[in-house]
Protein backbone atom coordinates (compact mmCIF):
# COMPACT_ATOMS: atom_id res chain seq x y z
CA MET A 1 96.11 62.65 132.98
CA ALA A 2 94.66 60.77 135.94
CA GLU A 3 91.50 62.10 137.50
CA GLY A 4 92.25 64.63 140.21
CA THR A 5 95.78 65.28 138.93
CA LEU A 6 96.79 68.96 138.69
CA PRO A 7 96.93 69.98 135.01
CA SER A 8 99.77 72.08 133.68
CA LEU A 9 99.23 75.60 132.36
CA CYS A 10 102.33 75.16 130.15
CA PHE A 11 101.97 71.64 128.74
CA PRO A 12 98.78 70.04 127.38
CA VAL A 13 97.63 66.67 128.70
CA THR A 14 99.06 64.91 125.64
CA ARG A 15 102.51 66.44 126.23
CA ALA A 16 104.15 65.64 129.56
CA SER A 17 106.96 68.16 130.21
CA GLY A 18 109.45 65.45 130.86
CA ASP A 19 108.79 63.82 127.45
CA LEU A 20 109.71 66.81 125.33
CA ALA A 21 113.05 66.78 123.60
CA THR A 22 114.22 70.37 124.03
CA ARG A 23 117.64 71.94 123.86
CA ARG A 24 118.01 74.74 126.33
CA LEU A 25 119.34 78.13 125.30
CA SER A 26 122.89 78.43 126.63
CA GLU A 27 123.75 80.98 129.29
CA GLN A 28 126.23 82.58 126.80
CA ALA A 29 123.55 82.99 124.15
CA ALA A 30 121.11 84.40 126.71
CA ALA A 31 123.72 87.02 127.67
CA ASP A 32 124.68 87.81 124.06
CA LEU A 33 121.08 88.41 123.19
CA ALA A 34 120.30 90.28 126.46
CA ILE A 35 117.54 87.77 127.19
CA ASP A 36 119.02 87.14 130.63
CA THR A 37 118.28 90.75 131.56
CA LEU A 38 114.71 90.30 130.33
CA GLN A 39 114.37 87.08 132.32
CA ARG A 40 115.49 88.71 135.59
CA ARG A 41 113.56 91.93 135.16
CA PHE A 42 110.22 90.19 134.60
CA ARG A 43 111.00 87.12 136.81
CA LEU A 44 110.34 84.72 133.99
CA PRO A 45 111.22 81.14 135.01
CA ALA A 46 114.43 80.36 133.09
CA GLU A 47 113.51 76.74 132.40
CA LEU A 48 110.41 77.82 130.52
CA LEU A 49 111.91 80.85 128.75
CA TYR A 50 115.15 79.10 127.69
CA GLY A 51 113.58 75.72 126.86
CA LEU A 52 113.51 76.32 123.06
CA CYS A 53 110.27 74.28 122.77
CA GLN A 54 109.86 72.83 119.28
CA ASP A 55 106.45 71.27 119.74
CA HIS A 56 103.70 73.18 117.92
CA GLU A 57 100.97 71.92 120.24
CA VAL A 58 102.84 73.10 123.36
CA ILE A 59 103.64 76.50 121.91
CA ARG A 60 100.03 77.13 120.81
CA TYR A 61 98.72 75.82 124.15
CA ARG A 62 100.84 78.49 125.96
CA GLN A 63 99.79 81.17 123.48
CA ASP A 64 96.15 80.45 124.28
CA VAL A 65 96.65 80.63 127.98
CA LEU A 66 98.61 83.88 127.65
CA ALA A 67 95.78 85.32 125.55
CA ASP A 68 93.35 84.69 128.48
CA VAL A 69 95.82 86.26 130.91
CA LEU A 70 96.27 89.36 128.71
CA ALA A 71 92.55 89.72 128.16
CA SER A 72 91.58 89.83 131.89
CA ALA A 73 93.00 92.29 134.38
CA GLU A 74 91.05 90.46 137.09
CA LEU A 75 92.68 87.18 136.26
CA ARG A 76 96.14 88.85 136.48
CA ARG A 77 95.17 90.40 139.82
CA VAL A 78 94.03 87.11 141.34
CA PHE A 79 97.02 85.21 139.91
CA ALA A 80 99.30 87.82 141.54
CA GLU A 81 97.66 87.03 144.89
CA VAL A 82 97.95 83.30 144.43
CA VAL A 83 101.73 83.24 143.83
CA PRO A 84 102.70 84.24 147.39
CA MET A 85 100.06 81.80 148.74
CA LEU A 86 101.70 78.99 146.81
CA ARG A 87 105.09 80.00 148.14
CA GLU A 88 103.66 79.95 151.69
CA LEU A 89 102.14 76.56 151.01
CA ALA A 90 105.53 75.28 149.83
CA TYR A 91 107.12 76.56 153.02
CA TYR A 92 104.56 74.84 155.22
CA THR A 93 104.96 71.63 153.21
CA LYS A 94 108.73 71.56 153.38
CA THR A 95 109.11 72.52 157.07
CA ARG A 96 106.13 70.92 158.83
CA LYS A 97 107.93 67.74 159.75
CA GLU A 98 110.82 69.71 161.14
CA GLN A 99 108.65 71.12 163.95
CA SER A 100 109.77 69.66 167.27
CA SER A 101 106.54 69.34 169.23
CA THR A 102 103.18 67.79 168.51
CA LEU A 103 101.56 71.21 168.87
CA GLN A 104 103.92 72.83 166.36
CA GLN A 105 103.31 70.08 163.83
CA ALA A 106 99.54 70.40 164.26
CA VAL A 107 99.65 74.16 163.86
CA TRP A 108 101.81 73.82 160.73
CA ARG A 109 99.40 71.27 159.23
CA LEU A 110 96.52 73.57 160.02
CA GLY A 111 98.39 76.40 158.26
CA GLU A 112 98.83 74.13 155.16
CA LEU A 113 95.18 73.29 154.99
CA GLU A 114 94.03 76.87 155.47
CA THR A 115 96.32 78.09 152.72
CA TYR A 116 95.22 75.24 150.50
CA VAL A 117 91.57 76.17 150.85
CA VAL A 118 92.22 79.84 150.18
CA CYS A 119 94.36 78.93 147.10
CA LEU A 120 91.71 76.72 145.59
CA GLN A 121 89.04 79.38 146.09
CA SER A 122 91.31 82.04 144.54
CA LEU A 123 92.03 79.85 141.54
CA ALA A 124 88.27 79.23 141.08
CA ASP A 125 87.69 83.02 141.25
CA ALA A 126 90.50 83.54 138.72
CA VAL A 127 89.00 81.16 136.15
CA THR A 128 85.50 82.56 136.66
CA SER A 129 86.77 86.07 136.10
CA VAL A 130 87.85 85.18 132.49
CA ALA A 131 84.59 83.48 131.48
CA ASP A 132 81.67 85.37 130.14
CA ALA A 133 79.17 85.53 133.01
CA ASN A 134 76.28 84.85 130.66
CA ALA A 135 77.99 81.70 129.40
CA ASP A 136 78.48 80.11 132.80
CA PRO A 137 76.52 76.81 132.79
CA PRO A 138 74.27 75.91 135.75
CA GLY A 139 75.22 73.10 138.07
CA GLY A 140 77.43 74.52 140.80
CA ALA A 141 81.15 74.08 141.41
CA ALA A 142 81.43 70.78 139.56
CA ALA A 143 79.89 72.09 136.34
CA ALA A 144 81.85 71.99 133.10
CA PRO A 145 84.13 75.03 132.56
CA PRO A 146 83.07 77.63 130.01
CA GLN A 147 84.28 76.77 126.50
CA SER A 148 85.44 80.35 125.92
CA LEU A 149 88.50 79.59 128.02
CA SER A 150 91.81 78.28 126.71
CA ALA A 151 92.40 74.54 127.08
CA GLY A 152 94.85 75.21 129.90
CA LEU A 153 92.41 77.19 131.98
CA GLN A 154 89.59 74.76 131.22
CA SER A 155 91.70 71.93 132.67
CA LEU A 156 92.52 74.05 135.71
CA ALA A 157 88.79 74.83 136.18
CA ARG A 158 87.90 71.13 136.08
CA PHE A 159 90.57 70.28 138.57
CA VAL A 160 89.48 73.00 141.00
CA ALA A 161 85.80 72.00 140.65
CA GLU A 162 86.67 68.33 141.35
CA ARG A 163 88.68 69.23 144.47
CA GLN A 164 86.01 71.56 145.82
CA ALA A 165 83.31 68.98 145.23
CA ASP A 166 85.24 66.36 147.25
CA PRO A 167 83.29 65.52 150.51
CA ILE A 168 86.45 65.61 152.55
CA TYR A 169 87.33 69.05 151.23
CA ARG A 170 83.85 70.34 152.02
CA ARG A 171 84.08 69.00 155.56
CA LEU A 172 87.42 70.71 155.93
CA GLN A 173 85.87 74.00 154.90
CA GLU A 174 83.14 73.59 157.50
CA GLU A 175 85.46 72.60 160.36
CA LEU A 176 88.23 75.11 159.80
CA PRO A 177 86.61 77.88 161.94
CA ALA A 178 86.30 75.54 164.89
CA LEU A 179 89.82 74.24 164.48
CA ARG A 180 91.15 77.82 164.47
CA GLY A 181 88.95 78.72 167.40
CA GLY A 182 90.65 76.10 169.65
CA LEU A 183 93.94 77.85 169.14
CA LYS A 184 92.60 81.36 169.50
CA ARG A 185 91.22 80.51 172.94
CA ARG A 186 94.86 80.19 174.14
CA ALA A 187 95.83 83.87 173.76
CA SER A 188 97.87 84.60 176.91
CA VAL A 189 98.91 83.23 180.24
CA THR A 190 99.45 84.61 183.76
CA ILE A 191 102.75 83.61 185.29
CA GLY A 192 103.81 83.84 188.92
CA VAL A 193 107.51 84.77 189.34
CA ASN A 194 109.67 84.46 192.46
CA LEU A 195 112.57 86.87 192.76
CA ASP A 196 115.97 86.42 194.29
CA ALA A 197 117.75 88.87 196.66
CA GLN A 198 118.83 91.04 193.69
CA LEU A 199 115.17 91.14 192.44
CA ARG A 200 115.93 88.89 189.52
CA PRO A 201 113.47 86.21 188.33
CA ALA A 202 114.43 83.00 190.06
CA GLU A 203 111.41 80.68 189.69
CA ALA A 204 108.17 80.87 187.82
CA THR A 205 104.91 78.95 187.68
CA LEU A 206 101.94 79.05 185.32
CA LEU A 207 98.91 80.54 187.10
CA ARG A 208 96.26 80.87 184.44
CA VAL A 209 95.55 80.55 180.71
CA HIS A 210 93.47 83.36 179.06
CA ASP A 211 91.45 83.57 175.86
CA THR A 212 92.31 87.25 175.36
CA ARG A 213 95.58 89.06 174.92
CA PHE A 214 97.00 91.46 177.48
CA GLU A 215 96.51 95.05 176.32
CA ASP A 216 98.52 97.05 178.96
CA PRO A 217 102.11 96.47 179.85
CA PRO A 218 102.06 94.78 183.29
CA LEU A 219 104.25 96.06 186.15
CA LEU A 220 106.83 93.29 185.86
CA ALA A 221 107.42 94.12 182.21
CA ARG A 222 108.22 97.76 183.16
CA LEU A 223 110.38 96.60 186.08
CA PHE A 224 112.42 94.01 184.32
CA GLY A 225 112.73 95.38 180.85
CA GLY A 226 110.34 93.20 178.95
CA ARG A 227 109.44 94.57 175.48
CA SER A 228 105.97 94.88 174.05
CA VAL A 229 104.98 93.14 170.80
CA GLY A 230 101.25 93.48 170.66
CA SER A 231 101.15 92.79 174.41
CA ALA A 232 103.95 93.04 176.95
CA HIS A 233 105.71 90.03 178.37
CA VAL A 234 108.45 89.38 180.93
CA LYS A 235 111.78 88.46 179.50
CA LEU A 236 112.57 85.10 181.19
CA GLU A 237 115.84 83.37 180.49
CA ARG A 238 115.90 79.64 179.77
CA THR A 239 117.64 78.44 182.93
CA SER A 240 117.22 75.34 185.05
CA ASN A 241 114.97 77.38 187.35
CA MET A 242 112.65 78.02 184.43
CA ALA A 243 112.41 74.37 183.36
CA PRO A 244 109.30 73.69 185.45
CA LEU A 245 107.54 76.63 183.81
CA LEU A 246 108.46 75.51 180.30
CA GLY A 247 107.27 72.02 181.11
CA GLU A 248 103.97 73.38 182.44
CA LEU A 249 103.47 75.41 179.23
CA GLU A 250 104.04 72.31 177.16
CA ARG A 251 101.55 70.37 179.27
CA VAL A 252 98.81 73.05 179.02
CA LEU A 253 99.26 73.74 175.33
CA GLY A 254 99.61 69.99 174.62
CA ALA A 255 96.02 69.67 175.74
CA VAL A 256 95.19 71.82 172.70
CA ALA A 257 97.43 69.86 170.40
CA ARG A 258 95.97 66.44 171.02
CA PRO A 259 92.35 67.13 169.91
CA LEU A 260 93.63 69.37 167.10
CA ALA A 261 95.89 66.60 165.81
CA ARG A 262 93.01 64.10 166.00
CA SER A 263 90.74 66.48 164.10
CA LEU A 264 93.38 67.09 161.44
CA GLY A 265 93.94 63.36 161.09
CA GLN A 266 90.71 62.87 159.14
CA PHE A 267 92.20 65.12 156.39
CA VAL A 268 95.39 63.09 155.98
CA ARG A 269 94.35 62.17 152.42
CA MET A 270 94.13 65.88 151.57
CA GLN A 271 97.45 66.35 149.79
CA VAL A 272 98.42 69.96 149.10
CA ARG A 273 101.84 69.64 147.55
CA ASP A 274 100.42 68.91 144.09
CA LEU A 275 99.46 72.57 143.81
CA LEU A 276 103.05 73.75 144.09
CA PRO A 277 104.07 73.43 140.34
CA LEU A 278 101.46 76.15 139.62
CA GLU A 279 103.67 78.81 141.22
CA ARG A 280 106.31 78.61 138.47
CA GLU A 281 103.72 78.49 135.68
CA ILE A 282 101.60 81.37 136.99
CA ALA A 283 104.75 83.44 137.50
CA PHE A 284 105.64 82.73 133.87
CA TYR A 285 102.36 84.20 132.57
CA LEU A 286 102.45 87.12 134.96
CA GLY A 287 106.00 87.98 133.85
CA ALA A 288 104.95 87.70 130.18
CA SER A 289 101.95 89.96 130.81
CA LYS A 290 104.18 92.57 132.47
CA LEU A 291 106.51 92.49 129.51
CA TYR A 292 103.55 92.95 127.20
CA GLU A 293 102.26 95.87 129.24
CA ALA A 294 105.70 97.51 129.33
CA LEU A 295 106.06 97.44 125.56
CA SER A 296 102.46 98.40 124.89
CA ASP A 297 102.68 101.34 127.30
CA ALA A 298 105.75 102.50 125.35
CA GLY A 299 103.68 102.56 122.21
CA MET A 300 105.49 99.57 120.66
CA ALA A 301 103.90 96.78 118.64
CA ILE A 302 103.86 93.28 120.11
CA CYS A 303 102.17 90.34 118.44
CA ARG A 304 101.26 86.68 118.72
CA PRO A 305 103.47 84.87 116.19
CA GLU A 306 102.24 82.31 113.72
CA ILE A 307 104.05 79.01 114.22
CA ARG A 308 104.98 77.31 110.97
CA PRO A 309 106.15 73.72 110.27
CA PRO A 310 109.78 72.98 111.04
CA GLU A 311 110.44 71.87 107.44
CA SER A 312 109.71 75.35 106.15
CA ARG A 313 112.77 76.65 108.08
CA SER A 314 111.39 80.19 107.87
CA LEU A 315 111.59 83.30 109.99
CA ARG A 316 109.52 86.34 108.97
CA LEU A 317 109.37 89.48 111.14
CA GLU A 318 107.69 92.77 110.27
CA GLY A 319 108.79 95.76 112.29
CA VAL A 320 110.97 93.84 114.71
CA TYR A 321 112.84 95.89 117.30
CA ASN A 322 115.18 95.38 120.20
CA VAL A 323 113.31 95.19 123.55
CA GLU A 324 116.47 96.18 125.43
CA LEU A 325 116.34 99.67 123.79
CA VAL A 326 112.69 100.19 124.78
CA LEU A 327 113.26 99.24 128.38
CA SER A 328 116.54 101.15 128.74
CA GLY A 329 114.73 104.43 129.46
CA LYS A 330 117.05 106.30 127.11
CA TYR A 331 114.26 107.18 124.66
CA PRO A 332 111.52 109.57 125.75
CA SER A 333 109.27 108.37 122.96
CA PRO A 334 110.31 104.85 121.95
CA ALA A 335 107.72 104.47 119.22
CA ALA A 336 109.10 107.56 117.49
CA ASP A 337 112.78 107.19 118.34
CA ILE A 338 113.47 103.46 117.84
CA VAL A 339 113.73 102.16 114.32
CA ALA A 340 111.98 98.87 113.58
CA ASN A 341 113.08 96.60 110.69
CA ASP A 342 111.93 93.61 108.76
CA LEU A 343 113.44 90.19 108.15
CA ASP A 344 112.36 87.46 105.73
CA MET A 345 114.23 84.14 105.91
CA ASP A 346 112.85 81.70 103.42
CA ALA A 347 113.92 79.76 100.35
CA ASP A 348 115.11 83.00 98.71
CA GLY A 349 117.51 83.81 101.48
CA ARG A 350 118.12 82.17 104.86
CA ILE A 351 121.65 83.42 105.50
CA ALA A 352 122.15 87.16 105.74
CA VAL A 353 125.57 88.75 105.58
CA LEU A 354 124.85 92.03 107.29
CA THR A 355 127.30 94.94 106.73
CA GLY A 356 127.16 98.51 107.85
CA PRO A 357 129.07 101.21 109.69
CA ASN A 358 130.11 100.89 113.30
CA GLN A 359 127.15 101.68 115.62
CA GLY A 360 124.88 101.48 112.62
CA GLY A 361 122.44 99.05 114.28
CA LYS A 362 123.90 95.65 113.21
CA THR A 363 124.29 94.23 116.72
CA THR A 364 120.96 95.67 117.91
CA TYR A 365 119.19 94.09 114.87
CA THR A 366 120.90 90.74 115.40
CA ARG A 367 119.87 90.63 119.01
CA ALA A 368 116.27 91.54 118.19
CA ILE A 369 116.02 88.53 115.84
CA GLY A 370 117.37 86.09 118.41
CA MET A 371 115.12 87.50 121.13
CA ALA A 372 112.04 87.21 118.94
CA GLN A 373 112.82 83.56 118.15
CA VAL A 374 113.37 82.63 121.80
CA LEU A 375 110.21 84.40 123.00
CA ALA A 376 108.14 82.80 120.28
CA GLN A 377 109.31 79.29 121.13
CA ALA A 378 108.52 79.91 124.80
CA GLY A 379 104.87 80.57 123.68
CA LEU A 380 105.05 84.31 124.29
CA HIS A 381 104.36 87.36 122.11
CA VAL A 382 107.23 88.82 120.10
CA PRO A 383 108.33 92.46 119.66
CA ALA A 384 107.10 93.05 116.11
CA ARG A 385 104.02 94.10 114.13
CA ALA A 386 103.66 90.59 112.69
CA ALA A 387 105.64 87.38 112.86
CA SER A 388 105.66 83.83 111.51
CA LEU A 389 108.42 81.35 112.13
CA SER A 390 109.48 77.77 112.39
CA PRO A 391 110.85 76.48 115.77
CA CYS A 392 114.59 75.94 115.99
CA ASP A 393 116.40 73.15 117.71
CA VAL A 394 119.34 75.48 118.49
CA VAL A 395 119.63 79.26 118.82
CA ALA A 396 123.36 79.88 119.16
CA THR A 397 125.44 83.02 119.14
CA HIS A 398 129.05 83.93 118.35
CA PHE A 399 129.69 87.36 119.74
CA PRO A 400 133.06 88.98 120.57
CA ASN A 401 134.48 87.73 123.84
CA GLU A 402 136.69 90.35 125.41
CA GLU A 403 138.15 87.76 127.82
CA GLY A 404 139.11 85.38 125.05
CA GLY A 405 142.82 86.16 125.20
CA SER A 406 145.09 89.13 125.53
CA LEU A 407 147.14 88.48 122.38
CA GLU A 408 145.73 88.51 118.91
CA GLY A 409 146.66 84.87 118.36
CA GLY A 410 144.98 83.90 121.63
CA ARG A 411 141.74 85.69 120.73
CA LEU A 412 141.67 84.21 117.29
CA ALA A 413 142.19 80.68 118.66
CA GLU A 414 139.37 81.26 121.13
CA GLU A 415 137.06 82.51 118.43
CA ALA A 416 137.86 79.64 116.07
CA GLY A 417 137.28 77.13 118.88
CA ARG A 418 133.84 78.52 119.65
CA LEU A 419 132.95 78.50 115.93
CA ALA A 420 134.00 74.89 115.56
CA GLU A 421 131.90 73.97 118.63
CA LEU A 422 128.89 75.90 117.20
CA PHE A 423 129.01 74.01 113.91
CA GLY A 424 129.35 70.72 115.79
CA SER A 425 125.98 71.20 117.56
CA ALA A 426 123.92 72.96 114.85
CA THR A 427 121.64 71.46 112.23
CA ASP A 428 119.60 72.75 109.30
CA GLN A 429 116.88 73.52 111.87
CA SER A 430 119.11 75.95 113.83
CA LEU A 431 119.39 79.71 113.99
CA LEU A 432 122.93 81.00 114.26
CA LEU A 433 123.72 84.59 115.06
CA LEU A 434 127.31 85.79 114.47
CA ASN A 435 128.46 89.27 115.39
CA GLU A 436 131.81 90.59 114.22
CA SER A 437 133.24 87.10 114.31
CA LEU A 438 136.90 86.62 113.35
CA ALA A 439 137.68 90.38 113.62
CA SER A 440 140.76 89.77 115.79
CA THR A 441 143.14 89.20 112.87
CA SER A 442 144.23 91.18 109.79
CA PRO A 443 141.53 92.31 107.34
CA SER A 444 142.75 89.96 104.61
CA GLU A 445 142.85 86.96 106.95
CA SER A 446 139.45 87.91 108.47
CA LEU A 447 137.88 87.98 105.05
CA TYR A 448 139.34 84.64 104.06
CA LEU A 449 138.18 83.00 107.29
CA ALA A 450 134.74 84.69 107.32
CA GLU A 451 134.03 83.60 103.79
CA ASP A 452 134.74 79.95 104.76
CA VAL A 453 132.36 80.36 107.72
CA VAL A 454 129.60 81.59 105.35
CA ARG A 455 130.33 78.67 103.07
CA GLY A 456 129.86 76.34 106.02
CA LEU A 457 126.57 78.00 106.89
CA ARG A 458 125.26 77.50 103.38
CA TYR A 459 126.40 73.83 103.33
CA LEU A 460 124.77 73.27 106.74
CA GLY A 461 121.51 74.79 105.61
CA ALA A 462 120.82 76.70 108.80
CA ARG A 463 119.22 80.13 109.21
CA ALA A 464 121.87 82.68 110.10
CA VAL A 465 122.81 86.34 110.41
CA TYR A 466 126.46 87.25 110.12
CA ALA A 467 126.93 90.89 111.16
CA THR A 468 130.34 92.14 110.05
CA HIS A 469 132.39 95.16 109.07
CA LEU A 470 133.77 93.21 106.11
CA HIS A 471 131.72 94.71 103.29
CA GLU A 472 133.74 92.61 100.81
CA LEU A 473 132.11 89.54 102.33
CA GLY A 474 128.68 90.91 101.45
CA ALA A 475 129.88 91.49 97.90
CA ARG A 476 130.81 87.78 97.51
CA VAL A 477 127.47 86.22 98.31
CA ASP A 478 126.65 85.30 94.73
CA GLN A 479 130.04 83.63 94.42
CA VAL A 480 129.43 81.59 97.57
CA ASN A 481 126.00 80.52 96.34
CA ALA A 482 127.42 79.42 93.01
CA GLN A 483 130.34 77.43 94.42
CA VAL A 484 128.86 75.71 97.45
CA PRO A 485 125.83 73.37 97.36
CA GLY A 486 123.25 74.00 100.00
CA ARG A 487 119.58 74.63 100.78
CA SER A 488 120.12 78.06 102.43
CA THR A 489 120.71 80.90 100.02
CA VAL A 490 123.17 83.61 101.14
CA VAL A 491 122.00 87.20 100.71
CA SER A 492 123.56 90.59 101.43
CA MET A 493 121.88 92.99 103.81
CA ALA A 494 123.08 96.45 104.78
CA ALA A 495 122.47 99.07 107.46
CA ALA A 496 121.58 102.08 105.38
CA VAL A 497 123.40 105.39 105.71
CA ASP A 498 122.65 108.88 104.46
CA THR A 499 125.62 110.70 102.96
CA GLY A 500 123.89 114.06 103.28
CA ASP A 501 124.05 117.00 100.92
CA GLY A 502 127.06 116.93 98.66
CA GLY A 503 128.15 113.51 99.94
CA ASN A 504 129.93 114.93 102.99
CA GLY A 505 129.62 112.91 106.18
CA VAL A 506 127.57 109.81 106.95
CA ARG A 507 124.36 109.74 109.02
CA ARG A 508 123.23 106.42 110.38
CA THR A 509 119.54 105.64 109.66
CA TYR A 510 119.43 102.24 111.41
CA ARG A 511 117.35 101.03 108.50
CA ILE A 512 118.35 97.45 107.56
CA SER A 513 117.22 95.82 104.34
CA PRO A 514 118.41 93.48 101.55
CA SER A 515 121.06 95.49 99.74
CA PRO A 516 124.61 95.12 98.42
CA PRO A 517 127.27 96.60 100.72
CA VAL A 518 128.15 100.24 100.29
CA GLY A 519 131.81 100.10 101.17
CA LEU A 520 132.68 103.67 100.09
CA SER A 521 130.17 105.14 102.52
CA TYR A 522 131.59 103.03 105.32
CA ALA A 523 135.17 104.03 104.44
CA ARG A 524 134.13 107.68 104.35
CA ASP A 525 132.49 107.27 107.78
CA ILE A 526 135.70 105.74 109.22
CA ALA A 527 137.85 108.51 107.67
CA ASP A 528 135.54 111.21 109.06
CA ARG A 529 135.41 109.58 112.53
CA TYR A 530 139.18 109.45 112.91
CA GLU A 531 139.56 112.87 111.26
CA ILE A 532 141.65 111.67 108.33
CA SER A 533 139.27 112.50 105.50
CA PHE A 534 140.65 114.94 102.97
CA GLU A 535 138.20 117.62 104.18
CA ARG A 536 139.34 117.21 107.81
CA LEU A 537 143.04 117.08 106.82
CA ARG A 538 142.74 120.20 104.64
CA ALA A 539 140.99 122.09 107.46
CA ARG A 540 143.73 121.10 109.88
CA ILE A 541 146.49 122.12 107.41
CA ASP A 542 144.86 125.48 106.74
CA HIS A 543 144.42 126.12 110.43
CA HIS A 544 148.10 125.52 111.29
CA GLN A 545 149.62 127.02 108.11
CA PRO A 546 148.12 130.38 107.12
CA LYS A 547 147.99 131.16 103.41
CA ASP A 548 150.14 134.34 103.71
CA ALA A 549 153.05 132.49 105.34
CA PRO A 550 156.42 133.30 103.71
CA PRO A 551 157.78 130.66 101.32
CA SER A 552 160.27 128.15 102.71
CA PRO A 553 163.99 128.23 101.69
CA SER A 554 163.53 125.23 99.46
CA ASP A 555 160.69 127.01 97.65
CA GLN A 556 162.99 130.03 97.14
CA ARG A 557 165.80 127.90 95.72
CA SER A 558 163.40 126.24 93.30
């Protein structure tokens, strides 16, 4: 990085953002995993959240900066003040040249430089707030930043110190009050107005320029309907009769613009637009800190994940949960009401066939896994007690698409097409999340097709979760492992159920763990839900046909 160049808070000096080979999370996957809702709620820049960064150095660099942000409430407060300043600076920078007059351009440039000075000082205050006051080295603004800071904030501290030590910047700080004062001395004007026969303003001339604002509404304002905004003024229409007045105003105020423009000319080298990229990056960390606070305030665990080498192709989560449930507001006590689960994808099992009853937590669990992976690769904390994982080149989903076709054949074709596309882009470094895929055809056909998909996942070698109602698929994992070569072992996982006393009824526990499928419990649950279990049928028969009913004629003949 060249001296004086603004450092990035999201990419270390050795990793330019444009040089990273990343594959962005698709909009469909973001919607399937409910990450798009998270992104909008906490205003996380999509290009950083969805970037699927695979570079260990970049991920850890962001983790360190986030640790500083989370550790300092003062840093978060100052950062929150800096973001609107940077937006204002961007507005000045983009629109200054559009101003029509010399005075307007000078005023806009002055606004740029004022905001720039305030921003730099605020950034200096922000970095100082994180460092241990006793560790601050002597030497003034250009001193080395405290080593207790993350590399990102150290680079920012050096940049700010260099800018503030620049002689031109120091002269700008000294001269700003005088530059502002020249404008403030032009606070109001006295205008003489000639009226026509109907007492309407016909001509006007500039009488005097004042260095104070009018405080009381003048008589003409009350007579001619002028409105007061801080001080009253006469409403004069832009007609040919008013042209001399407008020209006079331009002449008088132009006298202010010329020396102001000359004074600002000495700061032409003072470029301010290089601060603008900070807005997106600071907003990223502020959004991440708000997410952290929201989950922590709800009593939920959230941790910094350990990033493992890509070749390990691992994903280990302890106590992972779905953020969407916590933020929904449906649970008075999320820590007590929301069930957290574990996942361990390694050499012993990288592909999970997840079975369980409807509304048993399969989709919620699958989304939680995808969300944790995406957040971790963005350099953020993940919703779990502990986590270690390898970055993925692709995080792809295959969830039901209700708009895929009105006929069964149409929906099946749409599902199959999306699956083929998914396999065409995935590698053994990918994470694939399938939810009730191929459920739009008959059970026998679904099972046949789904088993081929699992075979393909094993052959590909990816990490995957296949949530399905086909418990027979979970029962065939050993057969798939034996018949298909591959480096990703297929395992069966199940959403546990409690059959209750005497085996009547099924209660969902939302506990998910490695387990063979329990098809009988699921079938019992379906029968009970649709009121066709023997117990429900017997109760219905007894209700409609009392035991003391007379025998039917056929019974009598027999």
